[in-house]
N, C-alpha and C. Protein backbone atom coordinates (compact mmCIF):
# COMPACT_ATOMS: atom_id res chain seq x y z
N MET A 1 13.36 43.69 12.50
CA MET A 1 14.12 44.80 13.58
C MET A 1 14.84 43.87 14.52
N GLU A 2 15.51 43.91 14.86
CA GLU A 2 16.44 42.93 16.24
C GLU A 2 16.56 43.74 17.70
N VAL A 3 15.75 43.57 18.54
CA VAL A 3 16.20 44.34 19.80
C VAL A 3 16.80 43.44 20.70
N ILE A 4 17.76 43.93 21.53
CA ILE A 4 18.61 43.40 22.30
C ILE A 4 18.24 43.86 23.63
N ALA A 5 17.41 42.66 24.70
CA ALA A 5 16.95 43.29 26.07
C ALA A 5 17.98 42.57 27.14
N ARG A 6 17.90 43.41 28.18
CA ARG A 6 18.90 42.66 29.36
C ARG A 6 17.87 42.29 30.39
N HIS A 7 17.89 41.29 31.18
CA HIS A 7 16.64 40.89 32.28
C HIS A 7 18.10 40.79 33.19
N ARG A 8 17.49 41.13 34.66
CA ARG A 8 17.95 41.05 35.51
C ARG A 8 17.37 39.63 36.60
N HIS A 9 17.89 38.63 37.09
CA HIS A 9 16.94 37.45 37.69
C HIS A 9 17.51 37.81 38.96
N PRO A 10 16.22 37.08 40.13
CA PRO A 10 16.69 37.33 41.16
C PRO A 10 18.03 37.16 41.89
N ALA A 11 18.04 37.57 43.24
CA ALA A 11 19.69 37.13 43.73
C ALA A 11 19.50 36.08 44.46
N ASN A 12 18.56 35.72 44.77
CA ASN A 12 18.28 34.18 45.38
C ASN A 12 18.60 32.95 44.24
N HIS A 13 18.16 33.34 43.35
CA HIS A 13 18.19 32.03 41.85
C HIS A 13 20.08 32.15 41.81
N VAL A 14 20.77 30.72 42.20
CA VAL A 14 21.82 30.39 42.44
C VAL A 14 22.61 30.09 40.84
N ASP A 15 21.99 29.44 39.92
CA ASP A 15 22.33 28.77 38.82
C ASP A 15 22.49 29.51 37.85
N ALA A 16 21.76 30.97 37.72
CA ALA A 16 21.53 32.08 36.81
C ALA A 16 22.51 32.92 37.10
N PRO A 17 23.06 33.36 35.86
CA PRO A 17 24.06 34.78 36.11
C PRO A 17 23.41 35.72 36.15
N ASN A 18 24.21 36.80 36.43
CA ASN A 18 23.25 38.36 37.00
C ASN A 18 22.43 38.55 35.96
N THR A 19 22.86 38.66 34.49
CA THR A 19 22.23 39.60 33.70
C THR A 19 22.29 38.14 32.37
N VAL A 20 21.31 38.17 31.61
CA VAL A 20 21.05 37.20 30.39
C VAL A 20 20.33 38.24 29.30
N THR A 21 21.23 37.90 28.28
CA THR A 21 20.79 38.76 26.93
C THR A 21 20.07 37.86 26.29
N THR A 22 18.99 38.39 25.98
CA THR A 22 17.73 37.78 25.08
C THR A 22 17.47 38.43 23.52
N ARG A 23 17.52 38.21 22.39
CA ARG A 23 17.12 38.48 21.34
C ARG A 23 15.66 38.33 20.85
N THR A 24 14.95 39.51 20.62
CA THR A 24 13.87 39.28 19.84
C THR A 24 13.95 39.56 18.84
N GLN A 25 13.08 39.22 17.66
CA GLN A 25 13.06 40.23 16.60
C GLN A 25 11.09 40.97 16.61
N SER A 26 10.77 42.08 16.09
CA SER A 26 10.24 42.41 16.02
C SER A 26 8.93 41.95 15.37
N ARG A 27 8.03 42.30 15.83
CA ARG A 27 6.61 41.57 15.03
C ARG A 27 5.91 42.21 14.33
N THR A 28 5.44 41.87 13.29
CA THR A 28 4.62 42.40 12.17
C THR A 28 3.05 42.50 12.80
N PRO A 29 2.19 43.10 12.12
CA PRO A 29 0.95 43.03 13.05
C PRO A 29 0.29 42.07 12.79
N ASP A 30 0.35 41.30 11.95
CA ASP A 30 -0.15 39.87 12.06
C ASP A 30 0.34 39.02 13.17
N GLN A 31 1.57 39.25 13.26
CA GLN A 31 2.00 37.97 14.02
C GLN A 31 1.72 38.46 15.28
N ALA A 32 1.37 39.79 15.81
CA ALA A 32 1.35 40.56 17.36
C ALA A 32 -0.22 40.14 17.31
N ARG A 33 -1.04 39.35 16.20
CA ARG A 33 -2.24 38.98 16.58
C ARG A 33 -2.24 37.76 17.26
N GLY A 34 -0.74 36.78 16.96
CA GLY A 34 -1.18 35.51 17.20
C GLY A 34 -1.16 34.85 16.01
N GLY A 35 -0.56 35.39 14.75
CA GLY A 35 -0.60 34.74 13.58
C GLY A 35 0.85 33.82 13.68
N SER A 36 1.24 33.24 12.23
CA SER A 36 2.36 32.31 11.86
C SER A 36 4.04 33.22 12.11
N ASN A 37 4.54 32.55 11.86
CA ASN A 37 5.90 33.10 11.48
C ASN A 37 6.21 33.43 9.74
N THR A 38 5.49 32.16 9.60
CA THR A 38 5.41 32.25 7.96
C THR A 38 4.97 33.47 7.16
N ALA A 39 5.61 33.57 5.91
CA ALA A 39 4.82 33.98 5.29
C ALA A 39 3.51 33.75 4.75
N ALA A 40 2.54 34.86 4.21
CA ALA A 40 0.98 34.74 3.71
C ALA A 40 1.74 34.46 2.66
N ALA A 41 0.38 33.19 2.36
CA ALA A 41 0.14 32.20 0.85
C ALA A 41 -0.36 33.49 0.06
N PRO A 42 0.63 33.64 -1.35
CA PRO A 42 -0.10 34.73 -2.91
C PRO A 42 -1.83 34.21 -2.53
N SER A 43 -2.44 35.49 -2.95
CA SER A 43 -3.72 34.92 -3.28
C SER A 43 -3.59 34.20 -4.03
N GLU A 44 -5.09 34.00 -4.83
CA GLU A 44 -5.14 33.39 -6.11
C GLU A 44 -5.59 34.23 -7.18
N ASP A 45 -5.59 35.84 -7.02
CA ASP A 45 -5.67 36.61 -8.04
C ASP A 45 -4.08 36.80 -8.71
N HIS A 46 -2.96 36.65 -7.21
CA HIS A 46 -1.99 36.65 -7.56
C HIS A 46 -0.86 35.81 -8.73
N PRO A 47 -0.77 36.35 -10.12
CA PRO A 47 -0.47 35.13 -10.99
C PRO A 47 1.40 35.14 -10.54
N ARG A 48 1.25 33.78 -10.63
CA ARG A 48 2.43 32.85 -10.09
C ARG A 48 3.37 32.47 -11.25
N ASP A 49 4.53 32.76 -11.20
CA ASP A 49 6.04 32.58 -11.74
C ASP A 49 5.81 31.61 -13.17
N PRO A 50 5.55 31.58 -13.99
CA PRO A 50 5.53 30.09 -14.99
C PRO A 50 6.95 28.83 -14.92
N ASP A 51 8.30 30.55 -14.63
CA ASP A 51 9.12 29.51 -14.80
C ASP A 51 9.63 28.91 -13.46
N GLN A 52 8.95 29.05 -12.40
CA GLN A 52 8.83 28.33 -11.06
C GLN A 52 8.05 27.33 -10.76
N ILE A 53 6.95 26.93 -11.42
CA ILE A 53 6.22 25.81 -11.22
C ILE A 53 6.94 24.79 -12.06
N ASP A 54 6.79 23.42 -11.00
CA ASP A 54 7.50 22.29 -11.42
C ASP A 54 8.67 22.40 -12.02
N MET A 55 9.72 23.08 -11.19
CA MET A 55 11.17 23.89 -11.61
C MET A 55 11.91 22.54 -11.49
N PHE A 56 11.54 21.34 -10.64
CA PHE A 56 12.16 20.23 -9.90
C PHE A 56 10.89 18.84 -10.08
N PRO A 57 10.36 18.63 -11.01
CA PRO A 57 9.39 17.66 -10.96
C PRO A 57 9.57 16.55 -10.59
N ALA A 58 11.26 15.94 -10.07
CA ALA A 58 11.30 14.61 -10.14
C ALA A 58 11.54 14.75 -8.50
N LEU A 59 11.28 16.22 -7.95
CA LEU A 59 11.38 15.67 -6.53
C LEU A 59 9.82 16.15 -5.79
N THR A 60 9.15 16.26 -6.85
CA THR A 60 7.42 16.65 -6.50
C THR A 60 7.20 15.06 -6.14
N PRO A 61 6.57 14.92 -4.88
CA PRO A 61 6.36 13.98 -4.48
C PRO A 61 4.52 13.28 -5.15
N VAL A 62 4.61 12.33 -5.12
CA VAL A 62 3.70 11.73 -6.22
C VAL A 62 3.07 10.56 -5.74
N GLU A 63 1.58 10.84 -5.22
CA GLU A 63 0.72 9.63 -4.26
C GLU A 63 0.50 8.36 -5.40
N PRO A 64 0.95 7.65 -4.95
CA PRO A 64 0.12 6.96 -5.57
C PRO A 64 -1.32 6.36 -5.55
N GLU A 65 -1.72 5.97 -6.85
CA GLU A 65 -2.98 5.63 -6.85
C GLU A 65 -3.66 4.17 -5.88
N PRO A 66 -4.65 4.33 -5.10
CA PRO A 66 -4.33 3.46 -4.20
C PRO A 66 -5.26 1.99 -5.13
N LEU A 67 -5.21 0.87 -4.42
CA LEU A 67 -5.31 -0.06 -5.28
C LEU A 67 -6.73 -0.60 -4.69
N THR A 68 -7.40 -0.99 -5.69
CA THR A 68 -8.81 -1.50 -5.37
C THR A 68 -8.56 -3.12 -4.92
N PRO A 69 -8.95 -3.69 -4.01
CA PRO A 69 -9.31 -4.91 -3.39
C PRO A 69 -8.84 -6.19 -4.18
N GLY A 70 -9.35 -5.81 -5.43
CA GLY A 70 -8.68 -7.17 -6.61
C GLY A 70 -7.49 -7.03 -6.91
N ALA A 71 -6.91 -5.88 -7.13
CA ALA A 71 -5.39 -5.58 -7.69
C ALA A 71 -4.89 -5.73 -6.28
N LYS A 72 -4.64 -5.39 -5.15
CA LYS A 72 -3.96 -5.87 -3.71
C LYS A 72 -4.27 -7.68 -4.07
N ARG A 73 -5.55 -8.03 -4.52
CA ARG A 73 -5.43 -9.73 -4.24
C ARG A 73 -4.42 -10.44 -5.04
N THR A 74 -4.53 -9.39 -6.29
CA THR A 74 -3.53 -10.00 -7.58
C THR A 74 -2.57 -10.13 -7.15
N GLN A 75 -2.11 -8.86 -6.76
CA GLN A 75 -0.84 -8.53 -6.45
C GLN A 75 -0.10 -9.56 -4.90
N ARG A 76 -0.92 -10.03 -4.51
CA ARG A 76 -0.53 -11.03 -3.41
C ARG A 76 -0.32 -12.68 -3.66
N ASN A 77 -0.70 -12.44 -4.19
CA ASN A 77 -1.23 -13.76 -5.57
C ASN A 77 0.02 -14.13 -6.56
N SER A 78 0.36 -13.21 -7.06
CA SER A 78 1.75 -13.46 -7.56
C SER A 78 2.86 -13.64 -6.92
N GLN A 79 3.12 -12.72 -5.30
CA GLN A 79 4.16 -12.93 -5.00
C GLN A 79 3.97 -14.34 -4.05
N LEU A 80 2.66 -15.00 -3.72
CA LEU A 80 3.02 -15.75 -2.79
C LEU A 80 3.35 -16.83 -4.05
N ALA A 81 3.22 -16.94 -5.60
CA ALA A 81 3.15 -17.87 -6.55
C ALA A 81 5.04 -17.51 -6.76
N ALA A 82 5.25 -16.51 -6.84
CA ALA A 82 6.88 -16.37 -7.03
C ALA A 82 7.33 -17.00 -5.80
N ALA A 83 6.82 -17.78 -4.48
CA ALA A 83 7.69 -17.54 -3.65
C ALA A 83 7.25 -19.43 -3.41
N PHE A 84 6.51 -20.17 -4.58
CA PHE A 84 6.52 -21.69 -4.79
C PHE A 84 5.35 -21.73 -3.37
N LEU A 85 4.63 -20.69 -3.44
CA LEU A 85 3.34 -20.84 -2.65
C LEU A 85 1.97 -20.94 -3.23
N HIS A 86 1.08 -22.27 -3.47
CA HIS A 86 -0.29 -21.71 -4.16
C HIS A 86 -1.13 -20.67 -3.87
N PRO A 87 -1.76 -19.92 -4.17
CA PRO A 87 -2.40 -18.16 -4.19
C PRO A 87 -3.35 -18.64 -2.84
N LEU A 88 -4.02 -19.81 -2.90
CA LEU A 88 -5.20 -20.30 -1.83
C LEU A 88 -4.72 -20.46 -0.36
N THR A 89 -2.94 -20.37 -0.42
CA THR A 89 -2.57 -20.45 0.94
C THR A 89 -3.23 -19.26 1.84
N VAL A 90 -3.45 -18.45 1.61
CA VAL A 90 -4.04 -16.76 2.17
C VAL A 90 -5.65 -17.82 2.84
N ILE A 91 -6.19 -18.19 2.12
CA ILE A 91 -7.66 -18.93 2.47
C ILE A 91 -7.51 -19.58 3.56
N LEU A 92 -6.42 -20.97 3.26
CA LEU A 92 -6.55 -22.38 4.26
C LEU A 92 -5.89 -21.82 5.32
N ARG A 93 -5.26 -20.87 5.44
CA ARG A 93 -4.07 -20.21 6.53
C ARG A 93 -2.72 -21.06 6.82
N GLY A 94 -2.57 -22.02 6.18
CA GLY A 94 -1.34 -23.01 5.81
C GLY A 94 -0.68 -22.76 4.91
N ALA A 95 0.45 -23.39 4.44
CA ALA A 95 1.24 -23.46 3.43
C ALA A 95 0.72 -24.51 2.73
N LEU A 96 -0.04 -23.94 1.22
CA LEU A 96 -0.06 -24.92 0.08
C LEU A 96 0.97 -24.79 -0.99
N LYS A 97 1.84 -25.71 -1.03
CA LYS A 97 2.76 -25.47 -1.70
C LYS A 97 2.47 -25.97 -3.12
N LEU A 98 3.32 -25.48 -4.03
CA LEU A 98 2.81 -25.54 -5.56
C LEU A 98 3.38 -27.12 -6.28
N HIS A 99 3.04 -27.77 -7.26
CA HIS A 99 3.32 -28.99 -7.37
C HIS A 99 4.21 -28.95 -8.12
N ALA A 100 5.34 -29.71 -8.26
CA ALA A 100 6.56 -30.13 -8.63
C ALA A 100 6.47 -29.88 -10.08
N ASP A 101 5.38 -30.75 -11.00
CA ASP A 101 5.18 -30.33 -12.50
C ASP A 101 4.35 -28.85 -12.92
N ALA A 102 4.23 -28.06 -11.89
CA ALA A 102 3.57 -26.66 -11.96
C ALA A 102 3.66 -25.66 -13.19
N ALA A 103 2.80 -25.17 -13.82
CA ALA A 103 3.52 -24.37 -14.90
C ALA A 103 4.28 -23.34 -14.04
N PRO A 104 4.89 -22.17 -14.50
CA PRO A 104 5.43 -21.41 -14.11
C PRO A 104 4.66 -20.13 -13.92
N HIS A 105 4.24 -19.00 -12.95
CA HIS A 105 2.91 -18.34 -12.76
C HIS A 105 3.51 -17.29 -13.49
N ASP A 106 4.28 -17.00 -13.90
CA ASP A 106 4.59 -15.41 -14.69
C ASP A 106 4.19 -15.58 -16.10
N ASP A 107 4.26 -16.92 -16.70
CA ASP A 107 3.70 -17.23 -18.39
C ASP A 107 2.89 -18.11 -18.22
N ARG A 108 2.06 -17.39 -18.76
CA ARG A 108 0.37 -18.01 -18.80
C ARG A 108 0.43 -19.26 -19.83
N ASP A 109 1.32 -18.98 -21.00
CA ASP A 109 1.18 -19.74 -21.76
C ASP A 109 2.20 -21.20 -21.82
N ALA A 110 3.00 -21.32 -20.87
CA ALA A 110 4.03 -22.02 -20.72
C ALA A 110 3.42 -23.48 -20.47
N PRO A 111 3.91 -24.51 -20.48
CA PRO A 111 3.59 -26.22 -20.61
C PRO A 111 3.58 -26.37 -18.87
N GLY A 112 2.88 -27.19 -18.64
CA GLY A 112 2.79 -27.37 -16.48
C GLY A 112 1.22 -27.32 -16.35
N LEU A 113 1.36 -27.84 -15.25
CA LEU A 113 0.59 -28.17 -14.14
C LEU A 113 -0.60 -26.95 -14.19
N ARG A 114 -1.62 -27.05 -14.16
CA ARG A 114 -2.66 -25.40 -14.00
C ARG A 114 -3.99 -26.06 -13.28
N CYS A 115 -4.52 -25.07 -12.35
CA CYS A 115 -5.70 -25.31 -11.21
C CYS A 115 -6.71 -25.67 -12.88
N GLY A 116 -6.82 -25.15 -14.05
CA GLY A 116 -7.80 -25.63 -14.77
C GLY A 116 -7.96 -27.06 -15.06
N THR A 117 -6.96 -27.60 -14.83
CA THR A 117 -6.85 -28.91 -15.50
C THR A 117 -6.88 -30.06 -14.20
N CYS A 118 -7.26 -29.08 -13.14
CA CYS A 118 -7.53 -30.59 -11.93
C CYS A 118 -8.98 -30.45 -12.10
N ARG A 119 -9.36 -31.57 -10.78
CA ARG A 119 -10.55 -32.68 -11.22
C ARG A 119 -11.27 -31.69 -9.79
N PHE A 120 -10.43 -31.20 -8.91
CA PHE A 120 -11.10 -30.40 -7.62
C PHE A 120 -11.90 -28.91 -7.99
N ARG A 121 -11.45 -28.49 -9.26
CA ARG A 121 -12.03 -27.23 -9.71
C ARG A 121 -13.19 -27.16 -10.05
N ARG A 122 -14.17 -26.87 -9.59
CA ARG A 122 -15.47 -26.70 -10.25
C ARG A 122 -16.57 -25.34 -9.74
N PRO A 123 -17.47 -25.31 -11.01
CA PRO A 123 -18.70 -23.86 -11.21
C PRO A 123 -19.21 -24.31 -9.34
N VAL A 124 -19.30 -23.15 -8.75
CA VAL A 124 -20.50 -23.26 -7.56
C VAL A 124 -21.15 -22.20 -7.83
N HIS A 125 -22.44 -22.66 -7.76
CA HIS A 125 -23.49 -21.35 -8.31
C HIS A 125 -23.56 -20.56 -6.71
N GLY A 126 -23.61 -19.07 -6.79
CA GLY A 126 -23.80 -18.26 -5.83
C GLY A 126 -24.46 -16.97 -6.39
N GLY A 127 -25.93 -17.19 -5.82
CA GLY A 127 -26.38 -15.77 -6.80
C GLY A 127 -26.47 -15.42 -8.00
N ALA A 128 -26.11 -14.76 -8.47
CA ALA A 128 -26.29 -14.35 -10.19
C ALA A 128 -25.15 -14.97 -10.83
N ARG A 129 -24.15 -15.70 -10.32
CA ARG A 129 -22.98 -15.98 -11.28
C ARG A 129 -22.51 -17.21 -10.33
N ASN A 130 -21.83 -18.10 -11.40
CA ASN A 130 -20.77 -19.23 -10.60
C ASN A 130 -19.37 -18.72 -10.36
N TYR A 131 -19.17 -19.45 -9.25
CA TYR A 131 -17.63 -19.04 -8.66
C TYR A 131 -16.79 -20.70 -9.17
N PRO A 132 -15.79 -20.15 -9.86
CA PRO A 132 -15.01 -21.35 -10.00
C PRO A 132 -13.99 -21.64 -8.49
N LYS A 133 -13.96 -23.02 -7.74
CA LYS A 133 -13.35 -22.85 -6.62
C LYS A 133 -12.99 -24.02 -6.26
N CYS A 134 -11.98 -24.66 -5.78
CA CYS A 134 -11.48 -25.65 -5.31
C CYS A 134 -12.42 -26.49 -4.40
N THR A 135 -12.67 -27.90 -4.68
CA THR A 135 -13.51 -28.41 -3.79
C THR A 135 -13.04 -29.29 -2.75
N ARG A 136 -11.60 -29.52 -2.99
CA ARG A 136 -10.95 -30.42 -1.98
C ARG A 136 -11.38 -29.99 -0.67
N THR A 137 -11.56 -28.93 -0.19
CA THR A 137 -11.74 -28.67 1.29
C THR A 137 -13.10 -27.37 0.99
N ARG A 138 -14.04 -27.96 2.26
CA ARG A 138 -15.19 -26.63 2.53
C ARG A 138 -14.69 -25.63 2.83
N LEU A 139 -13.27 -25.09 3.42
CA LEU A 139 -12.68 -23.70 3.58
C LEU A 139 -13.09 -22.94 2.63
N LEU A 140 -12.82 -23.41 1.18
CA LEU A 140 -13.02 -22.57 0.26
C LEU A 140 -14.15 -22.71 -0.69
N MET A 141 -15.53 -22.88 0.10
CA MET A 141 -16.64 -23.07 -0.43
C MET A 141 -17.38 -21.86 -0.64
N THR A 142 -16.81 -20.58 -0.47
CA THR A 142 -17.28 -19.11 -0.13
C THR A 142 -18.37 -18.48 -1.31
N HIS A 143 -19.16 -17.82 -1.55
CA HIS A 143 -19.66 -16.79 -2.50
C HIS A 143 -18.92 -15.40 -2.68
N SER A 144 -17.38 -15.90 -2.95
CA SER A 144 -16.52 -14.41 -3.07
C SER A 144 -15.47 -14.64 -3.39
N ASP A 145 -14.86 -13.65 -4.17
CA ASP A 145 -13.77 -13.38 -5.43
C ASP A 145 -12.39 -13.96 -4.89
N ALA A 146 -12.55 -13.74 -3.29
CA ALA A 146 -11.10 -13.98 -2.65
C ALA A 146 -10.64 -15.44 -2.29
N SER A 147 -11.81 -16.36 -2.69
CA SER A 147 -11.45 -17.48 -2.77
C SER A 147 -11.93 -18.60 -3.59
N ASP A 148 -11.85 -17.88 -5.23
CA ASP A 148 -12.39 -18.22 -6.29
C ASP A 148 -10.72 -19.10 -6.75
N CYS A 149 -10.80 -20.01 -7.65
CA CYS A 149 -9.71 -20.56 -8.12
C CYS A 149 -9.42 -20.27 -9.50
N ARG A 150 -8.58 -19.79 -9.91
CA ARG A 150 -8.21 -19.50 -11.25
C ARG A 150 -7.71 -20.38 -12.15
N ALA A 151 -8.39 -20.61 -13.49
CA ALA A 151 -7.86 -21.91 -14.45
C ALA A 151 -6.45 -21.58 -14.48
N PHE A 152 -5.84 -20.41 -14.65
CA PHE A 152 -4.26 -20.25 -15.19
C PHE A 152 -3.31 -20.09 -13.87
N TRP A 153 -3.53 -19.95 -12.57
CA TRP A 153 -3.03 -20.32 -11.34
C TRP A 153 -2.12 -21.88 -11.33
N PRO A 154 -0.83 -22.06 -11.22
CA PRO A 154 -0.18 -23.22 -11.28
C PRO A 154 -0.68 -23.92 -10.11
N ALA A 155 -0.65 -25.58 -10.66
CA ALA A 155 -1.01 -26.46 -9.66
C ALA A 155 -0.27 -26.85 -8.36
N CYS A 156 -1.61 -26.97 -7.08
CA CYS A 156 -0.93 -27.27 -5.68
C CYS A 156 -0.26 -28.75 -5.60
N THR A 157 0.02 -29.21 -4.78
CA THR A 157 0.39 -30.41 -4.85
C THR A 157 -0.75 -31.28 -4.28
N PHE A 158 -1.59 -31.26 -4.33
CA PHE A 158 -2.89 -31.97 -4.39
C PHE A 158 -3.74 -31.79 -5.69
N HIS A 159 -2.99 -31.69 -6.90
CA HIS A 159 -3.54 -31.50 -8.38
C HIS A 159 -4.15 -33.18 -8.81
N GLU A 160 -5.06 -33.38 -9.30
CA GLU A 160 -5.28 -34.77 -9.41
C GLU A 160 -5.78 -34.20 -11.21
N GLN A 161 -5.65 -34.63 -12.33
CA GLN A 161 -5.59 -34.88 -13.53
C GLN A 161 -7.00 -34.84 -14.02
N GLU A 162 -7.95 -33.83 -14.41
CA GLU A 162 -9.21 -34.61 -14.30
C GLU A 162 -9.28 -35.65 -15.56
N ALA A 163 -10.55 -36.39 -15.51
CA ALA A 163 -10.27 -37.59 -16.39
C ALA A 163 -10.67 -37.32 -17.89
N ASN A 164 -11.37 -36.46 -18.27
CA ASN A 164 -11.89 -36.03 -19.86
C ASN A 164 -10.68 -34.84 -20.23
N ALA A 165 -9.22 -35.03 -19.27
CA ALA A 165 -8.69 -33.67 -19.81
C ALA A 165 -7.25 -34.23 -20.59
C-alpha cells in the first residue's frame, strides 16, 4: 500500500517550496524490524520448480578452476616461446631470444634445435632428485622446478651442440 504524505518546511528555509510530497510504501513486519526490501529466499523444504532450474545455462557464470603453479608456469612459458623468447627469460630477468634454427615451440616432433641437445643442459643433484638445468649461468642453478631447462624447449641463442649428439 502506498501512502502520500505532505510535509511543511519552515518559512526560513529559502530554497524549499512550502510543501513537499513524498511517497512511502507500507512496510512488512520484517522490514519494520530492519529487514531488507528483498523477498526472503525459499526454505530448503520448499520444492523448486524444475522447469526454471538452469533455464539459461549459457548465462550462468562459470567459475574457472584455479591453475596450479606448474600450470601457470607452463602457460607463461608457452606465451614466451610464441613471442620468440626462451622460457628462462623470466628467471634471467632479461630477454633471452630463441636461436634462428630453433624448433617451433608448438610442435615437439618438428626438426630444429632444442635445449635437450645443448651442451649446457646438465642434471644437477638437489635433494632426492636431479633437476635439468642450464649451466651457462649461475642464476639458473637453483633447486626449483621454476628454473628447470626442459629438453623439448626451443634452443636459445647461446645453444651449442653437444659433442656426442
